[in-house]
């Protein structure tokens, strides 16, 4: 899977050749290997070139905030396979459909229809490539519908929940 990244304002390209735990990837044209363990969602232990790194990942509305051994990186991930119209929505108005970022299995539904949610609040947890991804609300709103059920498989781009 090829990804276009913006890391603290600088563009880079990454290709994931094999997923965790024995991860192989190409970054800036160089193929690398890393052993990755996920002791809990959002926390990663990485062994790369004989060195150990502890990383935490927090998803915001616009980017991932990755902290590695105390250094903070803001990373915007652009999957070239996904079509986009820019930001795609006006903040705070209208309906928003939260979609699965990649194929996976729904492991938890954290809210119910009718619940009021705030920005950054977890809605659904999807497991893909042995990693759990918490899909979060980007703004304040009310959950109109939950389209995903625990234990079901979802495709990339499939609707998980609708917020208004």
Protein backbone atom coordinates (compact mmCIF):
# COMPACT_ATOMS: atom_id res chain seq x y z
CA UNK A 1 0.00 0.00 0.00
CA UNK A 2 1.48 3.35 -1.07
CA UNK A 3 0.87 6.42 1.05
CA UNK A 4 1.71 10.07 0.55
CA UNK A 5 2.69 11.67 3.86
CA UNK A 6 3.12 15.23 5.06
CA UNK A 7 5.37 15.08 8.15
CA UNK A 8 5.62 18.40 9.99
CA UNK A 9 5.02 20.17 6.68
CA UNK A 10 7.46 18.11 4.55
CA UNK A 11 6.17 15.68 1.91
CA UNK A 12 7.33 12.06 1.82
CA UNK A 13 6.23 8.79 0.25
CA UNK A 14 5.94 5.46 2.03
CA UNK A 15 5.00 2.01 0.78
CA UNK A 16 4.01 -0.71 3.23
CA UNK A 17 5.27 -3.98 1.73
CA UNK A 18 4.36 -6.27 4.67
CA UNK A 19 2.32 -5.30 7.74
CA UNK A 20 3.25 -5.68 11.43
CA UNK A 21 4.56 -7.55 13.34
CA UNK A 22 7.43 -8.20 10.87
CA UNK A 23 6.88 -4.93 9.01
CA UNK A 24 8.65 -4.22 5.71
CA UNK A 25 8.33 -0.79 4.15
CA UNK A 26 9.95 1.57 1.65
CA UNK A 27 10.55 5.13 2.80
CA UNK A 28 12.22 7.66 0.53
CA UNK A 29 13.16 4.84 -1.86
CA UNK A 30 14.92 2.71 0.75
CA UNK A 31 13.44 -0.63 1.89
CA UNK A 32 13.55 -1.20 5.65
CA UNK A 33 12.39 -3.86 8.10
CA UNK A 34 11.07 -3.37 11.63
CA UNK A 35 9.58 -5.57 14.33
CA UNK A 36 6.42 -3.95 15.69
CA UNK A 37 4.45 -4.87 18.79
CA UNK A 38 1.23 -3.19 19.89
CA UNK A 39 0.88 -3.58 23.67
CA UNK A 40 -2.33 -1.51 23.63
CA UNK A 41 -4.29 0.51 21.06
CA UNK A 42 -2.36 3.61 19.99
CA UNK A 43 0.92 2.44 21.61
CA UNK A 44 3.67 0.82 19.53
CA UNK A 45 7.02 -0.75 20.41
CA UNK A 46 9.31 -0.74 17.37
CA UNK A 47 12.68 -2.43 16.86
CA UNK A 48 14.42 -0.85 13.84
CA UNK A 49 18.09 -1.31 12.94
CA UNK A 50 18.84 -2.73 16.38
CA UNK A 51 17.34 0.27 18.20
CA UNK A 52 14.14 0.29 20.23
CA UNK A 53 11.53 3.04 19.85
CA UNK A 54 8.36 3.67 21.81
CA UNK A 55 5.65 5.44 19.84
CA UNK A 56 2.19 6.69 20.66
CA UNK A 57 -0.32 7.64 17.99
CA UNK A 58 -3.28 9.98 18.45
CA UNK A 59 -5.73 10.60 15.63
CA UNK A 60 -7.09 14.15 15.25
CA UNK A 61 -9.61 15.44 12.72
CA UNK A 62 -6.88 16.40 10.26
CA UNK A 63 -3.75 14.40 11.11
CA UNK A 64 -2.01 11.80 13.24
CA UNK A 65 0.06 13.05 16.15
CA UNK A 66 2.92 10.58 16.58
CA UNK A 67 5.27 10.86 19.54
CA UNK A 68 8.46 8.78 19.26
CA UNK A 69 10.79 8.70 22.27
CA UNK A 70 9.61 12.21 23.24
CA UNK A 71 9.76 13.78 19.74
CA UNK A 72 6.38 14.92 18.34
CA UNK A 73 5.45 14.59 14.66
CA UNK A 74 2.25 15.78 12.97
CA UNK A 75 1.55 13.45 10.06
CA UNK A 76 -1.13 13.87 7.42
CA UNK A 77 -1.68 10.59 5.55
CA UNK A 78 -2.96 10.75 1.99
CA UNK A 79 -3.91 7.44 0.45
CA UNK A 80 -3.63 8.01 -3.32
CA UNK A 81 -6.29 5.33 -3.91
CA UNK A 82 -8.95 7.44 -2.20
CA UNK A 83 -10.64 10.23 -4.10
CA UNK A 84 -11.03 13.50 -2.22
CA UNK A 85 -12.54 16.92 -2.81
CA UNK A 86 -10.25 18.75 -0.43
CA UNK A 87 -11.52 19.04 3.11
CA UNK A 88 -14.91 17.73 2.01
CA UNK A 89 -17.18 19.36 4.60
CA UNK A 90 -17.98 22.52 6.47
CA UNK A 91 -17.06 22.18 10.12
CA UNK A 92 -19.98 21.96 12.52
CA UNK A 93 -22.79 21.87 9.95
CA UNK A 94 -24.74 19.18 8.16
CA UNK A 95 -24.30 15.44 8.20
CA UNK A 96 -20.95 13.73 8.38
CA UNK A 97 -20.48 10.08 7.49
CA UNK A 98 -17.52 8.39 9.16
CA UNK A 99 -16.03 5.79 6.82
CA UNK A 100 -13.61 2.92 7.30
CA UNK A 101 -10.11 4.10 6.33
CA UNK A 102 -9.18 0.59 5.11
CA UNK A 103 -10.66 -2.91 5.01
CA UNK A 104 -10.90 -4.49 8.44
CA UNK A 105 -13.05 -5.94 11.19
CA UNK A 106 -15.22 -3.89 13.55
CA UNK A 107 -14.06 -4.87 17.05
CA UNK A 108 -15.99 -2.28 19.11
CA UNK A 109 -18.81 0.19 18.72
CA UNK A 110 -18.30 2.91 21.35
CA UNK A 111 -21.54 4.92 20.98
CA UNK A 112 -25.20 4.40 20.14
CA UNK A 113 -27.63 6.23 17.88
CA UNK A 114 -28.84 9.37 19.66
CA UNK A 115 -25.64 9.91 21.67
CA UNK A 116 -24.07 13.37 21.65
CA UNK A 117 -20.36 13.21 20.77
CA UNK A 118 -17.56 15.75 20.90
CA UNK A 119 -14.56 16.35 18.66
CA UNK A 120 -12.02 13.55 19.00
CA UNK A 121 -14.44 11.17 20.75
CA UNK A 122 -14.15 7.55 19.65
CA UNK A 123 -17.07 6.17 17.66
CA UNK A 124 -15.97 2.78 16.27
CA UNK A 125 -12.78 0.68 16.55
CA UNK A 126 -11.71 -1.13 13.35
CA UNK A 127 -8.90 -3.70 13.34
CA UNK A 128 -6.80 -3.87 10.18
CA UNK A 129 -3.43 -5.58 9.72
CA UNK A 130 -3.37 -6.47 13.45
CA UNK A 131 -3.69 -2.78 14.39
CA UNK A 132 -6.74 -1.27 16.04
CA UNK A 133 -7.82 2.10 14.65
CA UNK A 134 -10.27 4.21 16.63
CA UNK A 135 -12.48 6.19 14.27
CA UNK A 136 -13.28 9.50 15.98
CA UNK A 137 -15.76 12.31 15.55
CA UNK A 138 -14.22 15.43 14.02
CA UNK A 139 -16.72 17.77 15.66
CA UNK A 140 -19.58 18.13 18.11
CA UNK A 141 -22.75 16.41 16.97
CA UNK A 142 -25.42 13.77 17.57
CA UNK A 143 -25.04 10.22 16.29
CA UNK A 144 -27.85 9.68 13.79
CA UNK A 145 -27.00 6.08 12.92
CA UNK A 146 -24.44 3.37 13.53
CA UNK A 147 -23.97 1.40 10.32
CA UNK A 148 -21.32 -1.00 11.70
CA UNK A 149 -21.83 -3.96 14.01
CA UNK A 150 -19.18 -5.58 16.18
CA UNK A 151 -17.63 -8.62 14.52
CA UNK A 152 -18.50 -7.62 10.95
CA UNK A 153 -16.00 -7.02 8.18
CA UNK A 154 -15.97 -3.63 6.45
CA UNK A 155 -14.46 -2.46 3.16
CA UNK A 156 -12.39 0.71 2.72
CA UNK A 157 -14.73 3.67 2.44
CA UNK A 158 -17.72 1.79 3.90
CA UNK A 159 -19.95 3.93 6.15
CA UNK A 160 -19.50 3.23 9.86
CA UNK A 161 -21.63 5.97 11.43
CA UNK A 162 -23.47 9.18 10.59
CA UNK A 163 -23.24 12.31 12.76
CA UNK A 164 -25.32 15.49 12.49
